[in-house]
Amino acid sequence: MAKVEIYTKAYCPYCVRAKQVLSSKGVAFQEYPIDQQPELRDVMIERANGGYTVPQIFIDNRHIGGCDDMLFLDAQGRLDELLAA
């Protein structure tokens, strides 16, 4: 199973949606709440090549983008492949 990491904020509907999709697929993920741990924000931006909005999602240390990006991969049938790696 792939290592999934997601940077989030508590009141972000896109974060909630992304976590719902991952959970519905039975995927465990490491969540980094940048509103509770602001020191992680700079780490997220660096890892996401300048991406500063949440969520920022990583699968096996590969940046896949935000919620819309993940949903696009899912619609293409590519998300399950990444998660199974």
PDB file of N, CA and C in Angstrom:
ATOM      1  N   MET A   1       0.856  -1.191   0.000  1.00  0.00           N
ATOM      2  CA  MET A   1       0.000   0.000   0.000  1.00  0.00           C
ATOM      3  C   MET A   1       0.891   1.240   0.000  1.00  0.00           C
ATOM      4  N   ALA A   2       0.502   2.217  -0.764  1.00  0.00           N
ATOM      5  CA  ALA A   2       1.267   3.456  -0.899  1.00  0.00           C
ATOM      6  C   ALA A   2       1.201   4.280   0.384  1.00  0.00           C
ATOM      7  N   LYS A   3       2.231   5.097   0.578  1.00  0.00           N
ATOM      8  CA  LYS A   3       2.247   6.049   1.695  1.00  0.00           C
ATOM      9  C   LYS A   3       1.563   7.319   1.202  1.00  0.00           C
ATOM     10  N   VAL A   4       0.465   7.709   1.868  1.00  0.00           N
ATOM     11  CA  VAL A   4      -0.302   8.883   1.464  1.00  0.00           C
ATOM     12  C   VAL A   4      -0.202   9.935   2.565  1.00  0.00           C
ATOM     13  N   GLU A   5       0.135  11.152   2.148  1.00  0.00           N
ATOM     14  CA  GLU A   5       0.225  12.275   3.076  1.00  0.00           C
ATOM     15  C   GLU A   5      -0.649  13.396   2.536  1.00  0.00           C
ATOM     16  N   ILE A   6      -1.321  14.091   3.446  1.00  0.00           N
ATOM     17  CA  ILE A   6      -2.212  15.187   3.029  1.00  0.00           C
ATOM     18  C   ILE A   6      -2.094  16.334   4.026  1.00  0.00           C
ATOM     19  N   TYR A   7      -1.818  17.512   3.488  1.00  0.00           N
ATOM     20  CA  TYR A   7      -1.759  18.732   4.292  1.00  0.00           C
ATOM     21  C   TYR A   7      -3.141  19.373   4.248  1.00  0.00           C
ATOM     22  N   THR A   8      -3.673  19.715   5.417  1.00  0.00           N
ATOM     23  CA  THR A   8      -5.061  20.169   5.508  1.00  0.00           C
ATOM     24  C   THR A   8      -5.224  21.365   6.441  1.00  0.00           C
ATOM     25  N   LYS A   9      -6.429  21.942   6.385  1.00  0.00           N
ATOM     26  CA  LYS A   9      -6.916  22.896   7.384  1.00  0.00           C
ATOM     27  C   LYS A   9      -8.295  22.402   7.815  1.00  0.00           C
ATOM     28  N   ALA A  10      -8.678  22.716   9.039  1.00  0.00           N
ATOM     29  CA  ALA A  10      -9.910  22.170   9.626  1.00  0.00           C
ATOM     30  C   ALA A  10     -11.176  22.537   8.854  1.00  0.00           C
ATOM     31  N   TYR A  11     -11.304  23.768   8.402  1.00  0.00           N
ATOM     32  CA  TYR A  11     -12.561  24.204   7.792  1.00  0.00           C
ATOM     33  C   TYR A  11     -12.466  24.296   6.278  1.00  0.00           C
ATOM     34  N   CYS A  12     -11.742  23.375   5.681  1.00  0.00           N
ATOM     35  CA  CYS A  12     -11.530  23.365   4.234  1.00  0.00           C
ATOM     36  C   CYS A  12     -12.389  22.264   3.617  1.00  0.00           C
ATOM     37  N   PRO A  13     -13.419  22.638   2.837  1.00  0.00           N
ATOM     38  CA  PRO A  13     -14.286  21.609   2.241  1.00  0.00           C
ATOM     39  C   PRO A  13     -13.551  20.686   1.269  1.00  0.00           C
ATOM     40  N   TYR A  14     -12.520  21.210   0.603  1.00  0.00           N
ATOM     41  CA  TYR A  14     -11.748  20.374  -0.321  1.00  0.00           C
ATOM     42  C   TYR A  14     -10.921  19.335   0.443  1.00  0.00           C
ATOM     43  N   CYS A  15     -10.456  19.727   1.621  1.00  0.00           N
ATOM     44  CA  CYS A  15      -9.708  18.785   2.469  1.00  0.00           C
ATOM     45  C   CYS A  15     -10.631  17.655   2.927  1.00  0.00           C
ATOM     46  N   VAL A  16     -11.827  18.040   3.353  1.00  0.00           N
ATOM     47  CA  VAL A  16     -12.810  17.051   3.804  1.00  0.00           C
ATOM     48  C   VAL A  16     -13.122  16.083   2.664  1.00  0.00           C
ATOM     49  N   ARG A  17     -13.357  16.612   1.470  1.00  0.00           N
ATOM     50  CA  ARG A  17     -13.684  15.775   0.311  1.00  0.00           C
ATOM     51  C   ARG A  17     -12.531  14.833  -0.024  1.00  0.00           C
ATOM     52  N   ALA A  18     -11.319  15.338  -0.035  1.00  0.00           N
ATOM     53  CA  ALA A  18     -10.153  14.505  -0.353  1.00  0.00           C
ATOM     54  C   ALA A  18     -10.015  13.365   0.655  1.00  0.00           C
ATOM     55  N   LYS A  19     -10.199  13.684   1.934  1.00  0.00           N
ATOM     56  CA  LYS A  19     -10.089  12.649   2.967  1.00  0.00           C
ATOM     57  C   LYS A  19     -11.218  11.633   2.827  1.00  0.00           C
ATOM     58  N   GLN A  20     -12.420  12.086   2.446  1.00  0.00           N
ATOM     59  CA  GLN A  20     -13.537  11.151   2.237  1.00  0.00           C
ATOM     60  C   GLN A  20     -13.229  10.175   1.107  1.00  0.00           C
ATOM     61  N   VAL A  21     -12.675  10.682   0.017  1.00  0.00           N
ATOM     62  CA  VAL A  21     -12.346   9.822  -1.126  1.00  0.00           C
ATOM     63  C   VAL A  21     -11.308   8.785  -0.711  1.00  0.00           C
ATOM     64  N   LEU A  22     -10.269   9.231  -0.033  1.00  0.00           N
ATOM     65  CA  LEU A  22      -9.222   8.289   0.402  1.00  0.00           C
ATOM     66  C   LEU A  22      -9.792   7.249   1.361  1.00  0.00           C
ATOM     67  N   SER A  23     -10.597   7.708   2.314  1.00  0.00           N
ATOM     68  CA  SER A  23     -11.192   6.782   3.286  1.00  0.00           C
ATOM     69  C   SER A  23     -12.124   5.782   2.603  1.00  0.00           C
ATOM     70  N   SER A  24     -12.887   6.258   1.606  1.00  0.00           N
ATOM     71  CA  SER A  24     -13.817   5.358   0.909  1.00  0.00           C
ATOM     72  C   SER A  24     -13.070   4.262   0.149  1.00  0.00           C
ATOM     73  N   LYS A  25     -11.813   4.531  -0.174  1.00  0.00           N
ATOM     74  CA  LYS A  25     -10.989   3.542  -0.862  1.00  0.00           C
ATOM     75  C   LYS A  25     -10.211   2.667   0.131  1.00  0.00           C
ATOM     76  N   GLY A  26     -10.438   2.896   1.423  1.00  0.00           N
ATOM     77  CA  GLY A  26      -9.762   2.112   2.450  1.00  0.00           C
ATOM     78  C   GLY A  26      -8.299   2.473   2.616  1.00  0.00           C
ATOM     79  N   VAL A  27      -7.952   3.695   2.250  1.00  0.00           N
ATOM     80  CA  VAL A  27      -6.559   4.137   2.281  1.00  0.00           C
ATOM     81  C   VAL A  27      -6.271   4.863   3.590  1.00  0.00           C
ATOM     82  N   ALA A  28      -5.246   4.418   4.285  1.00  0.00           N
ATOM     83  CA  ALA A  28      -4.779   5.129   5.471  1.00  0.00           C
ATOM     84  C   ALA A  28      -3.897   6.281   4.989  1.00  0.00           C
ATOM     85  N   PHE A  29      -3.972   7.414   5.682  1.00  0.00           N
ATOM     86  CA  PHE A  29      -3.142   8.548   5.279  1.00  0.00           C
ATOM     87  C   PHE A  29      -2.643   9.284   6.501  1.00  0.00           C
ATOM     88  N   GLN A  30      -1.494   9.945   6.326  1.00  0.00           N
ATOM     89  CA  GLN A  30      -0.929  10.797   7.368  1.00  0.00           C
ATOM     90  C   GLN A  30      -1.415  12.217   7.094  1.00  0.00           C
ATOM     91  N   GLU A  31      -2.112  12.782   8.058  1.00  0.00           N
ATOM     92  CA  GLU A  31      -2.642  14.136   7.894  1.00  0.00           C
ATOM     93  C   GLU A  31      -1.777  15.129   8.636  1.00  0.00           C
ATOM     94  N   TYR A  32      -1.469  16.241   7.965  1.00  0.00           N
ATOM     95  CA  TYR A  32      -0.700  17.322   8.566  1.00  0.00           C
ATOM     96  C   TYR A  32      -1.588  18.570   8.607  1.00  0.00           C
ATOM     97  N   PRO A  33      -2.186  18.872   9.769  1.00  0.00           N
ATOM     98  CA  PRO A  33      -3.079  20.028   9.881  1.00  0.00           C
ATOM     99  C   PRO A  33      -2.275  21.321  10.044  1.00  0.00           C
ATOM    100  N   ILE A  34      -2.090  22.054   8.940  1.00  0.00           N
ATOM    101  CA  ILE A  34      -1.220  23.232   9.001  1.00  0.00           C
ATOM    102  C   ILE A  34      -1.832  24.392   9.777  1.00  0.00           C
ATOM    103  N   ASP A  35      -3.144  24.345  10.036  1.00  0.00           N
ATOM    104  CA  ASP A  35      -3.726  25.387  10.882  1.00  0.00           C
ATOM    105  C   ASP A  35      -3.388  25.146  12.355  1.00  0.00           C
ATOM    106  N   GLN A  36      -3.155  23.900  12.718  1.00  0.00           N
ATOM    107  CA  GLN A  36      -2.773  23.565  14.099  1.00  0.00           C
ATOM    108  C   GLN A  36      -1.259  23.497  14.266  1.00  0.00           C
ATOM    109  N   GLN A  37      -0.555  23.228  13.169  1.00  0.00           N
ATOM    110  CA  GLN A  37       0.907  23.148  13.197  1.00  0.00           C
ATOM    111  C   GLN A  37       1.453  24.055  12.093  1.00  0.00           C
ATOM    112  N   PRO A  38       1.405  25.390  12.306  1.00  0.00           N
ATOM    113  CA  PRO A  38       1.788  26.332  11.249  1.00  0.00           C
ATOM    114  C   PRO A  38       3.224  26.164  10.756  1.00  0.00           C
ATOM    115  N   GLU A  39       4.081  25.563  11.564  1.00  0.00           N
ATOM    116  CA  GLU A  39       5.464  25.349  11.127  1.00  0.00           C
ATOM    117  C   GLU A  39       5.547  24.390   9.941  1.00  0.00           C
ATOM    118  N   LEU A  40       4.488  23.596   9.728  1.00  0.00           N
ATOM    119  CA  LEU A  40       4.475  22.652   8.597  1.00  0.00           C
ATOM    120  C   LEU A  40       4.097  23.320   7.277  1.00  0.00           C
ATOM    121  N   ARG A  41       3.585  24.550   7.342  1.00  0.00           N
ATOM    122  CA  ARG A  41       3.157  25.236   6.118  1.00  0.00           C
ATOM    123  C   ARG A  41       4.327  25.430   5.154  1.00  0.00           C
ATOM    124  N   ASP A  42       5.474  25.894   5.674  1.00  0.00           N
ATOM    125  CA  ASP A  42       6.638  26.103   4.815  1.00  0.00           C
ATOM    126  C   ASP A  42       7.138  24.790   4.224  1.00  0.00           C
ATOM    127  N   VAL A  43       7.072  23.720   5.010  1.00  0.00           N
ATOM    128  CA  VAL A  43       7.463  22.393   4.520  1.00  0.00           C
ATOM    129  C   VAL A  43       6.546  21.982   3.373  1.00  0.00           C
ATOM    130  N   MET A  44       5.245  22.191   3.561  1.00  0.00           N
ATOM    131  CA  MET A  44       4.271  21.852   2.523  1.00  0.00           C
ATOM    132  C   MET A  44       4.555  22.618   1.234  1.00  0.00           C
ATOM    133  N   ILE A  45       4.758  23.930   1.350  1.00  0.00           N
ATOM    134  CA  ILE A  45       4.987  24.768   0.167  1.00  0.00           C
ATOM    135  C   ILE A  45       6.238  24.311  -0.576  1.00  0.00           C
ATOM    136  N   GLU A  46       7.276  23.990   0.174  1.00  0.00           N
ATOM    137  CA  GLU A  46       8.514  23.511  -0.462  1.00  0.00           C
ATOM    138  C   GLU A  46       8.280  22.180  -1.162  1.00  0.00           C
ATOM    139  N   ARG A  47       7.627  21.255  -0.474  1.00  0.00           N
ATOM    140  CA  ARG A  47       7.370  19.931  -1.064  1.00  0.00           C
ATOM    141  C   ARG A  47       6.451  20.025  -2.273  1.00  0.00           C
ATOM    142  N   ALA A  48       5.514  20.982  -2.251  1.00  0.00           N
ATOM    143  CA  ALA A  48       4.524  21.125  -3.314  1.00  0.00           C
ATOM    144  C   ALA A  48       4.995  22.080  -4.415  1.00  0.00           C
ATOM    145  N   ASN A  49       6.289  22.362  -4.435  1.00  0.00           N
ATOM    146  CA  ASN A  49       6.863  23.239  -5.464  1.00  0.00           C
ATOM    147  C   ASN A  49       6.124  24.573  -5.556  1.00  0.00           C
ATOM    148  N   GLY A  50       5.859  25.164  -4.398  1.00  0.00           N
ATOM    149  CA  GLY A  50       5.223  26.471  -4.353  1.00  0.00           C
ATOM    150  C   GLY A  50       3.715  26.433  -4.119  1.00  0.00           C
ATOM    151  N   GLY A  51       3.127  25.237  -4.127  1.00  0.00           N
ATOM    152  CA  GLY A  51       1.689  25.126  -3.871  1.00  0.00           C
ATOM    153  C   GLY A  51       1.393  25.525  -2.437  1.00  0.00           C
ATOM    154  N   TYR A  52       0.509  26.496  -2.254  1.00  0.00           N
ATOM    155  CA  TYR A  52       0.242  27.001  -0.901  1.00  0.00           C
ATOM    156  C   TYR A  52      -1.205  26.804  -0.451  1.00  0.00           C
ATOM    157  N   THR A  53      -2.062  26.301  -1.343  1.00  0.00           N
ATOM    158  CA  THR A  53      -3.448  26.045  -0.952  1.00  0.00           C
ATOM    159  C   THR A  53      -3.570  24.630  -0.395  1.00  0.00           C
ATOM    160  N   VAL A  54      -4.610  24.387   0.364  1.00  0.00           N
ATOM    161  CA  VAL A  54      -4.842  23.040   0.884  1.00  0.00           C
ATOM    162  C   VAL A  54      -6.085  22.463   0.233  1.00  0.00           C
ATOM    163  N   PRO A  55      -6.147  21.149   0.125  1.00  0.00           N
ATOM    164  CA  PRO A  55      -5.109  20.209   0.537  1.00  0.00           C
ATOM    165  C   PRO A  55      -3.975  20.133  -0.488  1.00  0.00           C
ATOM    166  N   GLN A  56      -2.830  19.670  -0.015  1.00  0.00           N
ATOM    167  CA  GLN A  56      -1.736  19.253  -0.885  1.00  0.00           C
ATOM    168  C   GLN A  56      -1.546  17.772  -0.582  1.00  0.00           C
ATOM    169  N   ILE A  57      -1.585  16.960  -1.622  1.00  0.00           N
ATOM    170  CA  ILE A  57      -1.610  15.501  -1.456  1.00  0.00           C
ATOM    171  C   ILE A  57      -0.370  14.891  -2.074  1.00  0.00           C
ATOM    172  N   PHE A  58       0.218  13.964  -1.335  1.00  0.00           N
ATOM    173  CA  PHE A  58       1.421  13.255  -1.780  1.00  0.00           C
ATOM    174  C   PHE A  58       1.175  11.758  -1.679  1.00  0.00           C
ATOM    175  N   ILE A  59       1.569  11.030  -2.711  1.00  0.00           N
ATOM    176  CA  ILE A  59       1.497   9.571  -2.699  1.00  0.00           C
ATOM    177  C   ILE A  59       2.903   9.064  -2.944  1.00  0.00           C
ATOM    178  N   ASP A  60       3.440   8.329  -1.972  1.00  0.00           N
ATOM    179  CA  ASP A  60       4.825   7.851  -2.035  1.00  0.00           C
ATOM    180  C   ASP A  60       5.784   8.994  -2.362  1.00  0.00           C
ATOM    181  N   ASN A  61       5.644  10.097  -1.631  1.00  0.00           N
ATOM    182  CA  ASN A  61       6.475  11.292  -1.770  1.00  0.00           C
ATOM    183  C   ASN A  61       6.333  11.994  -3.115  1.00  0.00           C
ATOM    184  N   ARG A  62       5.390  11.576  -3.939  1.00  0.00           N
ATOM    185  CA  ARG A  62       5.131  12.232  -5.229  1.00  0.00           C
ATOM    186  C   ARG A  62       3.963  13.194  -5.047  1.00  0.00           C
ATOM    187  N   HIS A  63       4.188  14.443  -5.393  1.00  0.00           N
ATOM    188  CA  HIS A  63       3.143  15.453  -5.259  1.00  0.00           C
ATOM    189  C   HIS A  63       2.110  15.256  -6.369  1.00  0.00           C
ATOM    190  N   ILE A  64       0.853  15.020  -5.977  1.00  0.00           N
ATOM    191  CA  ILE A  64      -0.183  14.867  -7.007  1.00  0.00           C
ATOM    192  C   ILE A  64      -1.094  16.083  -7.078  1.00  0.00           C
ATOM    193  N   GLY A  65      -0.936  17.052  -6.166  1.00  0.00           N
ATOM    194  CA  GLY A  65      -1.719  18.278  -6.209  1.00  0.00           C
ATOM    195  C   GLY A  65      -2.785  18.317  -5.136  1.00  0.00           C
ATOM    196  N   GLY A  66      -3.893  18.987  -5.480  1.00  0.00           N
ATOM    197  CA  GLY A  66      -4.981  19.178  -4.527  1.00  0.00           C
ATOM    198  C   GLY A  66      -6.120  18.211  -4.767  1.00  0.00           C
ATOM    199  N   CYS A  67      -7.261  18.532  -4.197  1.00  0.00           N
ATOM    200  CA  CYS A  67      -8.433  17.664  -4.279  1.00  0.00           C
ATOM    201  C   CYS A  67      -8.884  17.465  -5.723  1.00  0.00           C
ATOM    202  N   ASP A  68      -9.001  18.565  -6.490  1.00  0.00           N
ATOM    203  CA  ASP A  68      -9.441  18.450  -7.884  1.00  0.00           C
ATOM    204  C   ASP A  68      -8.496  17.583  -8.703  1.00  0.00           C
ATOM    205  N   ASP A  69      -7.193  17.738  -8.441  1.00  0.00           N
ATOM    206  CA  ASP A  69      -6.198  16.919  -9.148  1.00  0.00           C
ATOM    207  C   ASP A  69      -6.380  15.441  -8.824  1.00  0.00           C
ATOM    208  N   MET A  70      -6.630  15.153  -7.549  1.00  0.00           N
ATOM    209  CA  MET A  70      -6.833  13.765  -7.143  1.00  0.00           C
ATOM    210  C   MET A  70      -8.115  13.201  -7.758  1.00  0.00           C
ATOM    211  N   LEU A  71      -9.180  14.008  -7.773  1.00  0.00           N
ATOM    212  CA  LEU A  71     -10.438  13.547  -8.368  1.00  0.00           C
ATOM    213  C   LEU A  71     -10.273  13.313  -9.877  1.00  0.00           C
ATOM    214  N   PHE A  72      -9.460  14.126 -10.534  1.00  0.00           N
ATOM    215  CA  PHE A  72      -9.189  13.948 -11.958  1.00  0.00           C
ATOM    216  C   PHE A  72      -8.454  12.627 -12.191  1.00  0.00           C
ATOM    217  N   LEU A  73      -7.442  12.356 -11.361  1.00  0.00           N
ATOM    218  CA  LEU A  73      -6.728  11.079 -11.464  1.00  0.00           C
ATOM    219  C   LEU A  73      -7.681   9.912 -11.242  1.00  0.00           C
ATOM    220  N   ASP A  74      -8.600  10.062 -10.287  1.00  0.00           N
ATOM    221  CA  ASP A  74      -9.562   9.008  -9.995  1.00  0.00           C
ATOM    222  C   ASP A  74     -10.488   8.784 -11.194  1.00  0.00           C
ATOM    223  N   ALA A  75     -10.945   9.866 -11.816  1.00  0.00           N
ATOM    224  CA  ALA A  75     -11.835   9.762 -12.973  1.00  0.00           C
ATOM    225  C   ALA A  75     -11.138   9.074 -14.149  1.00  0.00           C
ATOM    226  N   GLN A  76      -9.830   9.235 -14.232  1.00  0.00           N
ATOM    227  CA  GLN A  76      -9.044   8.595 -15.293  1.00  0.00           C
ATOM    228  C   GLN A  76      -8.693   7.143 -14.953  1.00  0.00           C
ATOM    229  N   GLY A  77      -8.992   6.737 -13.719  1.00  0.00           N
ATOM    230  CA  GLY A  77      -8.645   5.386 -13.294  1.00  0.00           C
ATOM    231  C   GLY A  77      -7.196   5.247 -12.881  1.00  0.00           C
ATOM    232  N   ARG A  78      -6.505   6.362 -12.715  1.00  0.00           N
ATOM    233  CA  ARG A  78      -5.078   6.313 -12.379  1.00  0.00           C
ATOM    234  C   ARG A  78      -4.811   6.390 -10.877  1.00  0.00           C
ATOM    235  N   LEU A  79      -5.775   6.879 -10.105  1.00  0.00           N
ATOM    236  CA  LEU A  79      -5.553   7.022  -8.664  1.00  0.00           C
ATOM    237  C   LEU A  79      -5.364   5.673  -7.991  1.00  0.00           C
ATOM    238  N   ASP A  80      -6.195   4.704  -8.345  1.00  0.00           N
ATOM    239  CA  ASP A  80      -6.083   3.371  -7.723  1.00  0.00           C
ATOM    240  C   ASP A  80      -4.723   2.747  -8.001  1.00  0.00           C
ATOM    241  N   GLU A  81      -4.180   2.972  -9.199  1.00  0.00           N
ATOM    242  CA  GLU A  81      -2.850   2.449  -9.526  1.00  0.00           C
ATOM    243  C   GLU A  81      -1.803   3.051  -8.604  1.00  0.00           C
ATOM    244  N   LEU A  82      -1.871   4.365  -8.403  1.00  0.00           N
ATOM    245  CA  LEU A  82      -0.896   5.038  -7.528  1.00  0.00           C
ATOM    246  C   LEU A  82      -1.032   4.547  -6.102  1.00  0.00           C
ATOM    247  N   LEU A  83      -2.264   4.356  -5.648  1.00  0.00           N
ATOM    248  CA  LEU A  83      -2.498   3.935  -4.260  1.00  0.00           C
ATOM    249  C   LEU A  83      -2.064   2.493  -4.029  1.00  0.00           C
ATOM    250  N   ALA A  84      -2.089   1.678  -5.070  1.00  0.00           N
ATOM    251  CA  ALA A  84      -1.740   0.265  -4.926  1.00  0.00           C
ATOM    252  C   ALA A  84      -0.241   0.029  -4.970  1.00  0.00           C
ATOM    253  N   ALA A  85       0.502   1.025  -5.413  1.00  0.00           N
ATOM    254  CA  ALA A  85       1.960   0.872  -5.590  1.00  0.00           C
ATOM    255  C   ALA A  85       2.659   0.488  -4.296  1.00  0.00           C
TER     256      ALA A  85
END
